[in-house]
Amino acid sequence: MPRITELSEHDLTEQRSRFYAAAVPAATLEDVKSELARRKKRYHKARHHCWACRVRDENGQIVEQARDDGEVGRPGMKLLELLRQRDLEGLLVVSRFFGGIKLGPGGVGRAFRDAAFGTLESKSQ
């Protein structure tokens, strides 16, 4: 199974909300936790930090996790779907700065997905 081997970032603005996405190499859940802590510190004013990961446990089995961080539209699952579609191991994380305009559940989910998709596309070019 392919892995995310290098950090890739992408920014997206959707109706004044800013989405900062990253595809991050992560081999274990500990790697995921430490990277999330770094992103939360870096983007400490972001309202939400949604993420998904596919990593291996100590037995070599794939572990999948996704978190919405209180955001509507199930963005964590949208990120996990991107990892599954590409059969990738690693971490996708998107930090959102709210711009004052509500996007609704569908708009929020699409914006998180599009931001993460941008990181994967920039990485593959």
PDB file of N, CA and C in Angstrom:
ATOM      1  N   MET A   1       0.851  -1.183   0.000  1.00  0.00           N
ATOM      2  CA  MET A   1       0.000   0.000   0.000  1.00  0.00           C
ATOM      3  C   MET A   1       0.889   1.237   0.000  1.00  0.00           C
ATOM      4  N   PRO A   2       0.625   2.182  -0.881  1.00  0.00           N
ATOM      5  CA  PRO A   2       1.440   3.401  -0.921  1.00  0.00           C
ATOM      6  C   PRO A   2       1.281   4.241   0.346  1.00  0.00           C
ATOM      7  N   ARG A   3       2.316   4.958   0.644  1.00  0.00           N
ATOM      8  CA  ARG A   3       2.306   5.855   1.812  1.00  0.00           C
ATOM      9  C   ARG A   3       2.527   7.282   1.369  1.00  0.00           C
ATOM     10  N   ILE A   4       2.028   8.212   2.177  1.00  0.00           N
ATOM     11  CA  ILE A   4       2.383   9.617   1.999  1.00  0.00           C
ATOM     12  C   ILE A   4       3.823   9.711   2.487  1.00  0.00           C
ATOM     13  N   THR A   5       4.729  10.114   1.609  1.00  0.00           N
ATOM     14  CA  THR A   5       6.150  10.079   1.957  1.00  0.00           C
ATOM     15  C   THR A   5       6.736  11.446   2.291  1.00  0.00           C
ATOM     16  N   GLU A   6       6.042  12.515   1.886  1.00  0.00           N
ATOM     17  CA  GLU A   6       6.552  13.848   2.222  1.00  0.00           C
ATOM     18  C   GLU A   6       5.388  14.792   2.479  1.00  0.00           C
ATOM     19  N   LEU A   7       5.649  15.785   3.283  1.00  0.00           N
ATOM     20  CA  LEU A   7       4.642  16.778   3.626  1.00  0.00           C
ATOM     21  C   LEU A   7       4.215  17.545   2.386  1.00  0.00           C
ATOM     22  N   SER A   8       2.903  17.708   2.239  1.00  0.00           N
ATOM     23  CA  SER A   8       2.348  18.507   1.150  1.00  0.00           C
ATOM     24  C   SER A   8       1.239  19.360   1.746  1.00  0.00           C
ATOM     25  N   GLU A   9       1.191  20.647   1.389  1.00  0.00           N
ATOM     26  CA  GLU A   9       0.183  21.542   1.945  1.00  0.00           C
ATOM     27  C   GLU A   9      -0.564  22.264   0.836  1.00  0.00           C
ATOM     28  N   HIS A  10      -1.785  22.668   1.163  1.00  0.00           N
ATOM     29  CA  HIS A  10      -2.632  23.379   0.205  1.00  0.00           C
ATOM     30  C   HIS A  10      -3.600  24.259   0.986  1.00  0.00           C
ATOM     31  N   ASP A  11      -3.817  25.472   0.496  1.00  0.00           N
ATOM     32  CA  ASP A  11      -4.756  26.407   1.123  1.00  0.00           C
ATOM     33  C   ASP A  11      -5.941  26.617   0.201  1.00  0.00           C
ATOM     34  N   LEU A  12      -7.109  26.792   0.806  1.00  0.00           N
ATOM     35  CA  LEU A  12      -8.336  27.022   0.050  1.00  0.00           C
ATOM     36  C   LEU A  12      -9.166  28.063   0.784  1.00  0.00           C
ATOM     37  N   THR A  13      -9.738  29.002   0.046  1.00  0.00           N
ATOM     38  CA  THR A  13     -10.665  29.964   0.630  1.00  0.00           C
ATOM     39  C   THR A  13     -12.035  29.712   0.029  1.00  0.00           C
ATOM     40  N   GLU A  14     -13.017  29.562   0.882  1.00  0.00           N
ATOM     41  CA  GLU A  14     -14.400  29.312   0.468  1.00  0.00           C
ATOM     42  C   GLU A  14     -15.295  30.262   1.244  1.00  0.00           C
ATOM     43  N   GLN A  15     -15.865  31.242   0.566  1.00  0.00           N
ATOM     44  CA  GLN A  15     -16.744  32.242   1.180  1.00  0.00           C
ATOM     45  C   GLN A  15     -16.146  32.811   2.470  1.00  0.00           C
ATOM     46  N   ARG A  16     -14.939  33.292   2.353  1.00  0.00           N
ATOM     47  CA  ARG A  16     -14.170  33.945   3.418  1.00  0.00           C
ATOM     48  C   ARG A  16     -13.633  33.006   4.494  1.00  0.00           C
ATOM     49  N   SER A  17     -14.040  31.745   4.522  1.00  0.00           N
ATOM     50  CA  SER A  17     -13.417  30.787   5.437  1.00  0.00           C
ATOM     51  C   SER A  17     -12.142  30.281   4.778  1.00  0.00           C
ATOM     52  N   ARG A  18     -11.086  30.134   5.586  1.00  0.00           N
ATOM     53  CA  ARG A  18      -9.814  29.638   5.073  1.00  0.00           C
ATOM     54  C   ARG A  18      -9.590  28.217   5.582  1.00  0.00           C
ATOM     55  N   PHE A  19      -9.153  27.367   4.672  1.00  0.00           N
ATOM     56  CA  PHE A  19      -8.895  25.964   4.979  1.00  0.00           C
ATOM     57  C   PHE A  19      -7.426  25.683   4.675  1.00  0.00           C
ATOM     58  N   TYR A  20      -6.676  25.251   5.695  1.00  0.00           N
ATOM     59  CA  TYR A  20      -5.268  24.923   5.545  1.00  0.00           C
ATOM     60  C   TYR A  20      -5.130  23.405   5.670  1.00  0.00           C
ATOM     61  N   ALA A  21      -4.801  22.768   4.558  1.00  0.00           N
ATOM     62  CA  ALA A  21      -4.757  21.307   4.509  1.00  0.00           C
ATOM     63  C   ALA A  21      -3.321  20.816   4.395  1.00  0.00           C
ATOM     64  N   ALA A  22      -3.102  19.613   4.938  1.00  0.00           N
ATOM     65  CA  ALA A  22      -1.785  18.983   4.831  1.00  0.00           C
ATOM     66  C   ALA A  22      -1.942  17.479   4.691  1.00  0.00           C
ATOM     67  N   ALA A  23      -1.136  16.906   3.815  1.00  0.00           N
ATOM     68  CA  ALA A  23      -0.958  15.454   3.721  1.00  0.00           C
ATOM     69  C   ALA A  23       0.387  15.188   4.394  1.00  0.00           C
ATOM     70  N   VAL A  24       0.359  14.373   5.429  1.00  0.00           N
ATOM     71  CA  VAL A  24       1.527  14.224   6.297  1.00  0.00           C
ATOM     72  C   VAL A  24       1.926  12.750   6.405  1.00  0.00           C
ATOM     73  N   PRO A  25       3.227  12.440   6.264  1.00  0.00           N
ATOM     74  CA  PRO A  25       3.670  11.069   6.519  1.00  0.00           C
ATOM     75  C   PRO A  25       3.421  10.711   7.986  1.00  0.00           C
ATOM     76  N   ALA A  26       2.767   9.602   8.216  1.00  0.00           N
ATOM     77  CA  ALA A  26       2.521   9.123   9.581  1.00  0.00           C
ATOM     78  C   ALA A  26       2.451   7.602   9.523  1.00  0.00           C
ATOM     79  N   ALA A  27       3.268   6.952  10.323  1.00  0.00           N
ATOM     80  CA  ALA A  27       3.304   5.490  10.310  1.00  0.00           C
ATOM     81  C   ALA A  27       2.524   4.881  11.472  1.00  0.00           C
ATOM     82  N   THR A  28       2.359   5.648  12.571  1.00  0.00           N
ATOM     83  CA  THR A  28       1.689   5.130  13.763  1.00  0.00           C
ATOM     84  C   THR A  28       0.698   6.166  14.300  1.00  0.00           C
ATOM     85  N   LEU A  29      -0.147   5.731  15.226  1.00  0.00           N
ATOM     86  CA  LEU A  29      -1.067   6.663  15.867  1.00  0.00           C
ATOM     87  C   LEU A  29      -0.321   7.700  16.692  1.00  0.00           C
ATOM     88  N   GLU A  30       0.844   7.348  17.220  1.00  0.00           N
ATOM     89  CA  GLU A  30       1.669   8.326  17.943  1.00  0.00           C
ATOM     90  C   GLU A  30       2.147   9.426  17.003  1.00  0.00           C
ATOM     91  N   ASP A  31       2.530   9.055  15.771  1.00  0.00           N
ATOM     92  CA  ASP A  31       2.918  10.057  14.773  1.00  0.00           C
ATOM     93  C   ASP A  31       1.747  11.003  14.505  1.00  0.00           C
ATOM     94  N   VAL A  32       0.548  10.434  14.396  1.00  0.00           N
ATOM     95  CA  VAL A  32      -0.657  11.231  14.138  1.00  0.00           C
ATOM     96  C   VAL A  32      -0.886  12.212  15.278  1.00  0.00           C
ATOM     97  N   LYS A  33      -0.821  11.729  16.511  1.00  0.00           N
ATOM     98  CA  LYS A  33      -1.057  12.592  17.676  1.00  0.00           C
ATOM     99  C   LYS A  33      -0.052  13.736  17.738  1.00  0.00           C
ATOM    100  N   SER A  34       1.219  13.441  17.488  1.00  0.00           N
ATOM    101  CA  SER A  34       2.224  14.498  17.577  1.00  0.00           C
ATOM    102  C   SER A  34       2.051  15.517  16.454  1.00  0.00           C
ATOM    103  N   GLU A  35       1.700  15.069  15.251  1.00  0.00           N
ATOM    104  CA  GLU A  35       1.484  16.014  14.152  1.00  0.00           C
ATOM    105  C   GLU A  35       0.250  16.871  14.413  1.00  0.00           C
ATOM    106  N   LEU A  36      -0.808  16.283  14.959  1.00  0.00           N
ATOM    107  CA  LEU A  36      -2.006  17.062  15.280  1.00  0.00           C
ATOM    108  C   LEU A  36      -1.692  18.133  16.320  1.00  0.00           C
ATOM    109  N   ALA A  37      -0.887  17.787  17.302  1.00  0.00           N
ATOM    110  CA  ALA A  37      -0.495  18.774  18.318  1.00  0.00           C
ATOM    111  C   ALA A  37       0.282  19.925  17.678  1.00  0.00           C
ATOM    112  N   ARG A  38       1.181  19.605  16.734  1.00  0.00           N
ATOM    113  CA  ARG A  38       1.938  20.647  16.033  1.00  0.00           C
ATOM    114  C   ARG A  38       1.011  21.550  15.215  1.00  0.00           C
ATOM    115  N   ARG A  39       0.061  20.956  14.509  1.00  0.00           N
ATOM    116  CA  ARG A  39      -0.858  21.748  13.675  1.00  0.00           C
ATOM    117  C   ARG A  39      -1.752  22.625  14.539  1.00  0.00           C
ATOM    118  N   LYS A  40      -2.218  22.096  15.662  1.00  0.00           N
ATOM    119  CA  LYS A  40      -3.077  22.887  16.541  1.00  0.00           C
ATOM    120  C   LYS A  40      -2.310  24.059  17.144  1.00  0.00           C
ATOM    121  N   LYS A  41      -1.030  23.852  17.392  1.00  0.00           N
ATOM    122  CA  LYS A  41      -0.205  24.953  17.904  1.00  0.00           C
ATOM    123  C   LYS A  41       0.058  25.977  16.794  1.00  0.00           C
ATOM    124  N   ARG A  42       0.366  25.494  15.607  1.00  0.00           N
ATOM    125  CA  ARG A  42       0.646  26.379  14.474  1.00  0.00           C
ATOM    126  C   ARG A  42      -0.575  27.207  14.089  1.00  0.00           C
ATOM    127  N   TYR A  43      -1.738  26.571  14.051  1.00  0.00           N
ATOM    128  CA  TYR A  43      -2.992  27.248  13.683  1.00  0.00           C
ATOM    129  C   TYR A  43      -3.893  27.350  14.908  1.00  0.00           C
ATOM    130  N   HIS A  44      -3.378  27.940  15.975  1.00  0.00           N
ATOM    131  CA  HIS A  44      -4.086  27.957  17.253  1.00  0.00           C
ATOM    132  C   HIS A  44      -5.382  28.761  17.214  1.00  0.00           C
ATOM    133  N   LYS A  45      -5.544  29.643  16.243  1.00  0.00           N
ATOM    134  CA  LYS A  45      -6.779  30.411  16.152  1.00  0.00           C
ATOM    135  C   LYS A  45      -7.824  29.753  15.251  1.00  0.00           C
ATOM    136  N   ALA A  46      -7.500  28.624  14.668  1.00  0.00           N
ATOM    137  CA  ALA A  46      -8.457  27.915  13.816  1.00  0.00           C
ATOM    138  C   ALA A  46      -9.607  27.387  14.667  1.00  0.00           C
ATOM    139  N   ARG A  47     -10.784  27.445  14.113  1.00  0.00           N
ATOM    140  CA  ARG A  47     -11.968  26.986  14.837  1.00  0.00           C
ATOM    141  C   ARG A  47     -12.035  25.453  14.893  1.00  0.00           C
ATOM    142  N   HIS A  48     -11.646  24.787  13.798  1.00  0.00           N
ATOM    143  CA  HIS A  48     -11.729  23.323  13.725  1.00  0.00           C
ATOM    144  C   HIS A  48     -10.466  22.750  13.086  1.00  0.00           C
ATOM    145  N   HIS A  49     -10.077  21.580  13.576  1.00  0.00           N
ATOM    146  CA  HIS A  49      -8.970  20.809  13.009  1.00  0.00           C
ATOM    147  C   HIS A  49      -9.526  19.408  12.731  1.00  0.00           C
ATOM    148  N   CYS A  50      -9.972  19.182  11.511  1.00  0.00           N
ATOM    149  CA  CYS A  50     -10.542  17.882  11.145  1.00  0.00           C
ATOM    150  C   CYS A  50      -9.448  17.040  10.497  1.00  0.00           C
ATOM    151  N   TRP A  51      -9.513  15.727  10.722  1.00  0.00           N
ATOM    152  CA  TRP A  51      -8.443  14.880  10.223  1.00  0.00           C
ATOM    153  C   TRP A  51      -8.909  13.448  10.016  1.00  0.00           C
ATOM    154  N   ALA A  52      -8.094  12.725   9.253  1.00  0.00           N
ATOM    155  CA  ALA A  52      -8.288  11.285   9.055  1.00  0.00           C
ATOM    156  C   ALA A  52      -6.919  10.663   8.841  1.00  0.00           C
ATOM    157  N   CYS A  53      -6.793   9.422   9.273  1.00  0.00           N
ATOM    158  CA  CYS A  53      -5.525   8.726   9.081  1.00  0.00           C
ATOM    159  C   CYS A  53      -5.759   7.261   8.772  1.00  0.00           C
ATOM    160  N   ARG A  54      -4.783   6.695   8.105  1.00  0.00           N
ATOM    161  CA  ARG A  54      -4.677   5.253   7.880  1.00  0.00           C
ATOM    162  C   ARG A  54      -3.238   4.898   8.214  1.00  0.00           C
ATOM    163  N   VAL A  55      -3.062   4.160   9.294  1.00  0.00           N
ATOM    164  CA  VAL A  55      -1.725   3.764   9.744  1.00  0.00           C
ATOM    165  C   VAL A  55      -1.773   2.287  10.115  1.00  0.00           C
ATOM    166  N   ARG A  56      -0.638   1.740  10.436  1.00  0.00           N
ATOM    167  CA  ARG A  56      -0.570   0.328  10.842  1.00  0.00           C
ATOM    168  C   ARG A  56      -0.352   0.226  12.348  1.00  0.00           C
ATOM    169  N   ASP A  57      -0.992  -0.772  12.939  1.00  0.00           N
ATOM    170  CA  ASP A  57      -0.780  -1.024  14.366  1.00  0.00           C
ATOM    171  C   ASP A  57       0.438  -1.929  14.542  1.00  0.00           C
ATOM    172  N   GLU A  58       0.694  -2.334  15.785  1.00  0.00           N
ATOM    173  CA  GLU A  58       1.881  -3.151  16.072  1.00  0.00           C
ATOM    174  C   GLU A  58       1.827  -4.532  15.420  1.00  0.00           C
ATOM    175  N   ASN A  59       0.636  -4.961  14.984  1.00  0.00           N
ATOM    176  CA  ASN A  59       0.490  -6.259  14.302  1.00  0.00           C
ATOM    177  C   ASN A  59       0.507  -6.115  12.783  1.00  0.00           C
ATOM    178  N   GLY A  60       0.715  -4.904  12.297  1.00  0.00           N
ATOM    179  CA  GLY A  60       0.760  -4.678  10.864  1.00  0.00           C
ATOM    180  C   GLY A  60      -0.603  -4.493  10.213  1.00  0.00           C
ATOM    181  N   GLN A  61      -1.658  -4.422  11.018  1.00  0.00           N
ATOM    182  CA  GLN A  61      -3.007  -4.242  10.488  1.00  0.00           C
ATOM    183  C   GLN A  61      -3.301  -2.750  10.293  1.00  0.00           C
ATOM    184  N   ILE A  62      -4.075  -2.448   9.260  1.00  0.00           N
ATOM    185  CA  ILE A  62      -4.452  -1.053   8.998  1.00  0.00           C
ATOM    186  C   ILE A  62      -5.449  -0.585  10.051  1.00  0.00           C
ATOM    187  N   VAL A  63      -5.175   0.587  10.608  1.00  0.00           N
ATOM    188  CA  VAL A  63      -6.072   1.252  11.556  1.00  0.00           C
ATOM    189  C   VAL A  63      -6.525   2.547  10.887  1.00  0.00           C
ATOM    190  N   GLU A  64      -7.830   2.752  10.844  1.00  0.00           N
ATOM    191  CA  GLU A  64      -8.381   3.974  10.268  1.00  0.00           C
ATOM    192  C   GLU A  64      -9.090   4.766  11.354  1.00  0.00           C
ATOM    193  N   GLN A  65      -8.844   6.083  11.371  1.00  0.00           N
ATOM    194  CA  GLN A  65      -9.533   6.969  12.303  1.00  0.00           C
ATOM    195  C   GLN A  65      -9.859   8.268  11.592  1.00  0.00           C
ATOM    196  N   ALA A  66     -10.964   8.878  12.011  1.00  0.00           N
ATOM    197  CA  ALA A  66     -11.357  10.180  11.460  1.00  0.00           C
ATOM    198  C   ALA A  66     -12.043  10.969  12.566  1.00  0.00           C
ATOM    199  N   ARG A  67     -11.791  12.277  12.597  1.00  0.00           N
ATOM    200  CA  ARG A  67     -12.402  13.149  13.600  1.00  0.00           C
ATOM    201  C   ARG A  67     -12.898  14.426  12.929  1.00  0.00           C
ATOM    202  N   ASP A  68     -14.097  14.868  13.344  1.00  0.00           N
ATOM    203  CA  ASP A  68     -14.726  16.070  12.793  1.00  0.00           C
ATOM    204  C   ASP A  68     -14.479  17.310  13.646  1.00  0.00           C
ATOM    205  N   ASP A  69     -13.995  17.157  14.853  1.00  0.00           N
ATOM    206  CA  ASP A  69     -13.691  18.280  15.754  1.00  0.00           C
ATOM    207  C   ASP A  69     -14.879  19.232  15.911  1.00  0.00           C
ATOM    208  N   GLY A  70     -16.085  18.674  15.989  1.00  0.00           N
ATOM    209  CA  GLY A  70     -17.281  19.484  16.211  1.00  0.00           C
ATOM    210  C   GLY A  70     -17.823  20.167  14.970  1.00  0.00           C
ATOM    211  N   GLU A  71     -17.211  19.941  13.822  1.00  0.00           N
ATOM    212  CA  GLU A  71     -17.648  20.566  12.571  1.00  0.00           C
ATOM    213  C   GLU A  71     -18.820  19.782  11.975  1.00  0.00           C
ATOM    214  N   VAL A  72     -19.687  20.471  11.230  1.00  0.00           N
ATOM    215  CA  VAL A  72     -20.810  19.825  10.552  1.00  0.00           C
ATOM    216  C   VAL A  72     -20.342  19.236   9.223  1.00  0.00           C
ATOM    217  N   GLY A  73     -21.161  18.385   8.617  1.00  0.00           N
ATOM    218  CA  GLY A  73     -20.857  17.868   7.288  1.00  0.00           C
ATOM    219  C   GLY A  73     -19.935  16.669   7.249  1.00  0.00           C
ATOM    220  N   ARG A  74     -19.596  16.114   8.390  1.00  0.00           N
ATOM    221  CA  ARG A  74     -18.736  14.928   8.482  1.00  0.00           C
ATOM    222  C   ARG A  74     -17.428  15.043   7.686  1.00  0.00           C
ATOM    223  N   PRO A  75     -16.680  16.125   7.881  1.00  0.00           N
ATOM    224  CA  PRO A  75     -15.453  16.303   7.091  1.00  0.00           C
ATOM    225  C   PRO A  75     -14.391  15.241   7.361  1.00  0.00           C
ATOM    226  N   GLY A  76     -14.330  14.716   8.579  1.00  0.00           N
ATOM    227  CA  GLY A  76     -13.349  13.667   8.860  1.00  0.00           C
ATOM    228  C   GLY A  76     -13.545  12.457   7.968  1.00  0.00           C
ATOM    229  N   MET A  77     -14.805  12.078   7.745  1.00  0.00           N
ATOM    230  CA  MET A  77     -15.096  10.941   6.868  1.00  0.00           C
ATOM    231  C   MET A  77     -14.771  11.263   5.411  1.00  0.00           C
ATOM    232  N   LYS A  78     -14.971  12.511   5.012  1.00  0.00           N
ATOM    233  CA  LYS A  78     -14.607  12.921   3.641  1.00  0.00           C
ATOM    234  C   LYS A  78     -13.099  12.755   3.433  1.00  0.00           C
ATOM    235  N   LEU A  79     -12.323  13.116   4.453  1.00  0.00           N
ATOM    236  CA  LEU A  79     -10.872  12.972   4.367  1.00  0.00           C
ATOM    237  C   LEU A  79     -10.474  11.499   4.331  1.00  0.00           C
ATOM    238  N   LEU A  80     -11.127  10.692   5.156  1.00  0.00           N
ATOM    239  CA  LEU A  80     -10.833   9.257   5.172  1.00  0.00           C
ATOM    240  C   LEU A  80     -11.178   8.625   3.823  1.00  0.00           C
ATOM    241  N   GLU A  81     -12.268   9.058   3.214  1.00  0.00           N
ATOM    242  CA  GLU A  81     -12.641   8.540   1.892  1.00  0.00           C
ATOM    243  C   GLU A  81     -11.550   8.833   0.861  1.00  0.00           C
ATOM    244  N   LEU A  82     -10.939  10.014   0.931  1.00  0.00           N
ATOM    245  CA  LEU A  82      -9.839  10.329   0.009  1.00  0.00           C
ATOM    246  C   LEU A  82      -8.662   9.376   0.201  1.00  0.00           C
ATOM    247  N   LEU A  83      -8.312   9.101   1.457  1.00  0.00           N
ATOM    248  CA  LEU A  83      -7.216   8.158   1.720  1.00  0.00           C
ATOM    249  C   LEU A  83      -7.566   6.771   1.193  1.00  0.00           C
ATOM    250  N   ARG A  84      -8.801   6.330   1.414  1.00  0.00           N
ATOM    251  CA  ARG A  84      -9.227   5.009   0.936  1.00  0.00           C
ATOM    252  C   ARG A  84      -9.220   4.936  -0.586  1.00  0.00           C
ATOM    253  N   GLN A  85      -9.733   5.966  -1.245  1.00  0.00           N
ATOM    254  CA  GLN A  85      -9.801   5.971  -2.713  1.00  0.00           C
ATOM    255  C   GLN A  85      -8.425   5.806  -3.335  1.00  0.00           C
ATOM    256  N   ARG A  86      -7.437   6.422  -2.723  1.00  0.00           N
ATOM    257  CA  ARG A  86      -6.068   6.356  -3.252  1.00  0.00           C
ATOM    258  C   ARG A  86      -5.255   5.242  -2.602  1.00  0.00           C
ATOM    259  N   ASP A  87      -5.889   4.517  -1.673  1.00  0.00           N
ATOM    260  CA  ASP A  87      -5.241   3.417  -0.965  1.00  0.00           C
ATOM    261  C   ASP A  87      -3.931   3.886  -0.314  1.00  0.00           C
ATOM    262  N   LEU A  88      -4.013   5.043   0.367  1.00  0.00           N
ATOM    263  CA  LEU A  88      -2.837   5.666   0.986  1.00  0.00           C
ATOM    264  C   LEU A  88      -2.799   5.444   2.491  1.00  0.00           C
ATOM    265  N   GLU A  89      -1.581   5.331   3.000  1.00  0.00           N
ATOM    266  CA  GLU A  89      -1.353   5.375   4.436  1.00  0.00           C
ATOM    267  C   GLU A  89      -0.786   6.745   4.774  1.00  0.00           C
ATOM    268  N   GLY A  90      -1.208   7.286   5.916  1.00  0.00           N
ATOM    269  CA  GLY A  90      -0.717   8.584   6.354  1.00  0.00           C
ATOM    270  C   GLY A  90      -1.837   9.391   6.973  1.00  0.00           C
ATOM    271  N   LEU A  91      -1.626  10.694   7.063  1.00  0.00           N
ATOM    272  CA  LEU A  91      -2.547  11.595   7.742  1.00  0.00           C
ATOM    273  C   LEU A  91      -2.961  12.726   6.810  1.00  0.00           C
ATOM    274  N   LEU A  92      -4.256  13.012   6.771  1.00  0.00           N
ATOM    275  CA  LEU A  92      -4.789  14.221   6.141  1.00  0.00           C
ATOM    276  C   LEU A  92      -5.391  15.055   7.253  1.00  0.00           C
ATOM    277  N   VAL A  93      -5.009  16.319   7.329  1.00  0.00           N
ATOM    278  CA  VAL A  93      -5.555  17.210   8.356  1.00  0.00           C
ATOM    279  C   VAL A  93      -5.861  18.558   7.708  1.00  0.00           C
ATOM    280  N   VAL A  94      -7.028  19.115   8.074  1.00  0.00           N
ATOM    281  CA  VAL A  94      -7.446  20.407   7.548  1.00  0.00           C
ATOM    282  C   VAL A  94      -7.879  21.284   8.722  1.00  0.00           C
ATOM    283  N   SER A  95      -7.290  22.474   8.810  1.00  0.00           N
ATOM    284  CA  SER A  95      -7.631  23.448   9.847  1.00  0.00           C
ATOM    285  C   SER A  95      -8.463  24.553   9.206  1.00  0.00           C
ATOM    286  N   ARG A  96      -9.604  24.887   9.840  1.00  0.00           N
ATOM    287  CA  ARG A  96     -10.509  25.886   9.282  1.00  0.00           C
ATOM    288  C   ARG A  96     -10.555  27.137  10.145  1.00  0.00           C
ATOM    289  N   PHE A  97     -10.380  28.282   9.479  1.00  0.00           N
ATOM    290  CA  PHE A  97     -10.601  29.583  10.099  1.00  0.00           C
ATOM    291  C   PHE A  97     -11.941  30.080   9.584  1.00  0.00           C
ATOM    292  N   PHE A  98     -12.912  30.234  10.469  1.00  0.00           N
ATOM    293  CA  PHE A  98     -14.269  30.626  10.087  1.00  0.00           C
ATOM    294  C   PHE A  98     -14.281  32.060   9.575  1.00  0.00           C
ATOM    295  N   GLY A  99     -14.915  32.273   8.418  1.00  0.00           N
ATOM    296  CA  GLY A  99     -14.936  33.583   7.789  1.00  0.00           C
ATOM    297  C   GLY A  99     -16.201  34.375   7.995  1.00  0.00           C
ATOM    298  N   GLY A 100     -17.133  33.867   8.808  1.00  0.00           N
ATOM    299  CA  GLY A 100     -18.345  34.613   9.099  1.00  0.00           C
ATOM    300  C   GLY A 100     -19.547  34.215   8.278  1.00  0.00           C
ATOM    301  N   ILE A 101     -19.362  33.366   7.272  1.00  0.00           N
ATOM    302  CA  ILE A 101     -20.469  32.909   6.443  1.00  0.00           C
ATOM    303  C   ILE A 101     -20.630  31.407   6.643  1.00  0.00           C
ATOM    304  N   LYS A 102     -21.832  30.997   7.061  1.00  0.00           N
ATOM    305  CA  LYS A 102     -22.089  29.568   7.250  1.00  0.00           C
ATOM    306  C   LYS A 102     -22.209  28.890   5.894  1.00  0.00           C
ATOM    307  N   LEU A 103     -21.502  27.774   5.737  1.00  0.00           N
ATOM    308  CA  LEU A 103     -21.481  27.049   4.471  1.00  0.00           C
ATOM    309  C   LEU A 103     -22.514  25.928   4.420  1.00  0.00           C
ATOM    310  N   GLY A 104     -23.075  25.561   5.556  1.00  0.00           N
ATOM    311  CA  GLY A 104     -23.989  24.430   5.610  1.00  0.00           C
ATOM    312  C   GLY A 104     -23.216  23.124   5.587  1.00  0.00           C
ATOM    313  N   PRO A 105     -23.864  22.024   6.012  1.00  0.00           N
ATOM    314  CA  PRO A 105     -23.156  20.744   6.089  1.00  0.00           C
ATOM    315  C   PRO A 105     -22.542  20.300   4.759  1.00  0.00           C
ATOM    316  N   GLY A 106     -23.278  20.434   3.666  1.00  0.00           N
ATOM    317  CA  GLY A 106     -22.744  20.015   2.365  1.00  0.00           C
ATOM    318  C   GLY A 106     -21.577  20.865   1.923  1.00  0.00           C
ATOM    319  N   GLY A 107     -21.697  22.182   2.102  1.00  0.00           N
ATOM    320  CA  GLY A 107     -20.627  23.092   1.706  1.00  0.00           C
ATOM    321  C   GLY A 107     -19.372  22.904   2.532  1.00  0.00           C
ATOM    322  N   VAL A 108     -19.560  22.674   3.819  1.00  0.00           N
ATOM    323  CA  VAL A 108     -18.407  22.446   4.705  1.00  0.00           C
ATOM    324  C   VAL A 108     -17.696  21.157   4.312  1.00  0.00           C
ATOM    325  N   GLY A 109     -18.452  20.089   4.132  1.00  0.00           N
ATOM    326  CA  GLY A 109     -17.846  18.810   3.747  1.00  0.00           C
ATOM    327  C   GLY A 109     -17.076  18.916   2.442  1.00  0.00           C
ATOM    328  N   ARG A 110     -17.670  19.600   1.456  1.00  0.00           N
ATOM    329  CA  ARG A 110     -16.992  19.776   0.159  1.00  0.00           C
ATOM    330  C   ARG A 110     -15.724  20.614   0.305  1.00  0.00           C
ATOM    331  N   ALA A 111     -15.777  21.673   1.098  1.00  0.00           N
ATOM    332  CA  ALA A 111     -14.605  22.545   1.261  1.00  0.00           C
ATOM    333  C   ALA A 111     -13.449  21.783   1.917  1.00  0.00           C
ATOM    334  N   PHE A 112     -13.738  21.005   2.964  1.00  0.00           N
ATOM    335  CA  PHE A 112     -12.683  20.210   3.595  1.00  0.00           C
ATOM    336  C   PHE A 112     -12.113  19.202   2.607  1.00  0.00           C
ATOM    337  N   ARG A 113     -13.004  18.523   1.870  1.00  0.00           N
ATOM    338  CA  ARG A 113     -12.562  17.523   0.884  1.00  0.00           C
ATOM    339  C   ARG A 113     -11.707  18.184  -0.198  1.00  0.00           C
ATOM    340  N   ASP A 114     -12.173  19.336  -0.728  1.00  0.00           N
ATOM    341  CA  ASP A 114     -11.438  20.013  -1.794  1.00  0.00           C
ATOM    342  C   ASP A 114     -10.065  20.491  -1.333  1.00  0.00           C
ATOM    343  N   ALA A 115      -9.980  20.981  -0.098  1.00  0.00           N
ATOM    344  CA  ALA A 115      -8.686  21.414   0.438  1.00  0.00           C
ATOM    345  C   ALA A 115      -7.729  20.228   0.536  1.00  0.00           C
ATOM    346  N   ALA A 116      -8.221  19.106   1.064  1.00  0.00           N
ATOM    347  CA  ALA A 116      -7.377  17.913   1.191  1.00  0.00           C
ATOM    348  C   ALA A 116      -7.010  17.357  -0.179  1.00  0.00           C
ATOM    349  N   PHE A 117      -7.958  17.370  -1.112  1.00  0.00           N
ATOM    350  CA  PHE A 117      -7.694  16.902  -2.466  1.00  0.00           C
ATOM    351  C   PHE A 117      -6.561  17.720  -3.084  1.00  0.00           C
ATOM    352  N   GLY A 118      -6.554  19.024  -2.828  1.00  0.00           N
ATOM    353  CA  GLY A 118      -5.505  19.899  -3.333  1.00  0.00           C
ATOM    354  C   GLY A 118      -4.118  19.486  -2.832  1.00  0.00           C
ATOM    355  N   THR A 119      -4.032  19.021  -1.595  1.00  0.00           N
ATOM    356  CA  THR A 119      -2.725  18.586  -1.077  1.00  0.00           C
ATOM    357  C   THR A 119      -2.265  17.324  -1.796  1.00  0.00           C
ATOM    358  N   LEU A 120      -3.198  16.417  -2.037  1.00  0.00           N
ATOM    359  CA  LEU A 120      -2.839  15.162  -2.702  1.00  0.00           C
ATOM    360  C   LEU A 120      -2.478  15.403  -4.165  1.00  0.00           C
ATOM    361  N   GLU A 121      -3.161  16.328  -4.815  1.00  0.00           N
ATOM    362  CA  GLU A 121      -2.856  16.641  -6.210  1.00  0.00           C
ATOM    363  C   GLU A 121      -1.515  17.340  -6.339  1.00  0.00           C
ATOM    364  N   SER A 122      -1.214  18.271  -5.431  1.00  0.00           N
ATOM    365  CA  SER A 122       0.072  18.974  -5.521  1.00  0.00           C
ATOM    366  C   SER A 122       1.224  18.024  -5.230  1.00  0.00           C
ATOM    367  N   LYS A 123       0.977  17.030  -4.385  1.00  0.00           N
ATOM    368  CA  LYS A 123       2.002  16.035  -4.057  1.00  0.00           C
ATOM    369  C   LYS A 123       2.295  15.135  -5.244  1.00  0.00           C
ATOM    370  N   SER A 124       1.266  14.793  -6.016  1.00  0.00           N
ATOM    371  CA  SER A 124       1.453  13.828  -7.098  1.00  0.00           C
ATOM    372  C   SER A 124       1.990  14.459  -8.381  1.00  0.00           C
ATOM    373  N   GLN A 125       2.093  15.784  -8.440  1.00  0.00           N
ATOM    374  CA  GLN A 125       2.573  16.420  -9.677  1.00  0.00           C
ATOM    375  C   GLN A 125       4.062  16.592  -9.670  1.00  0.00           C
TER     376      GLN A 125
END
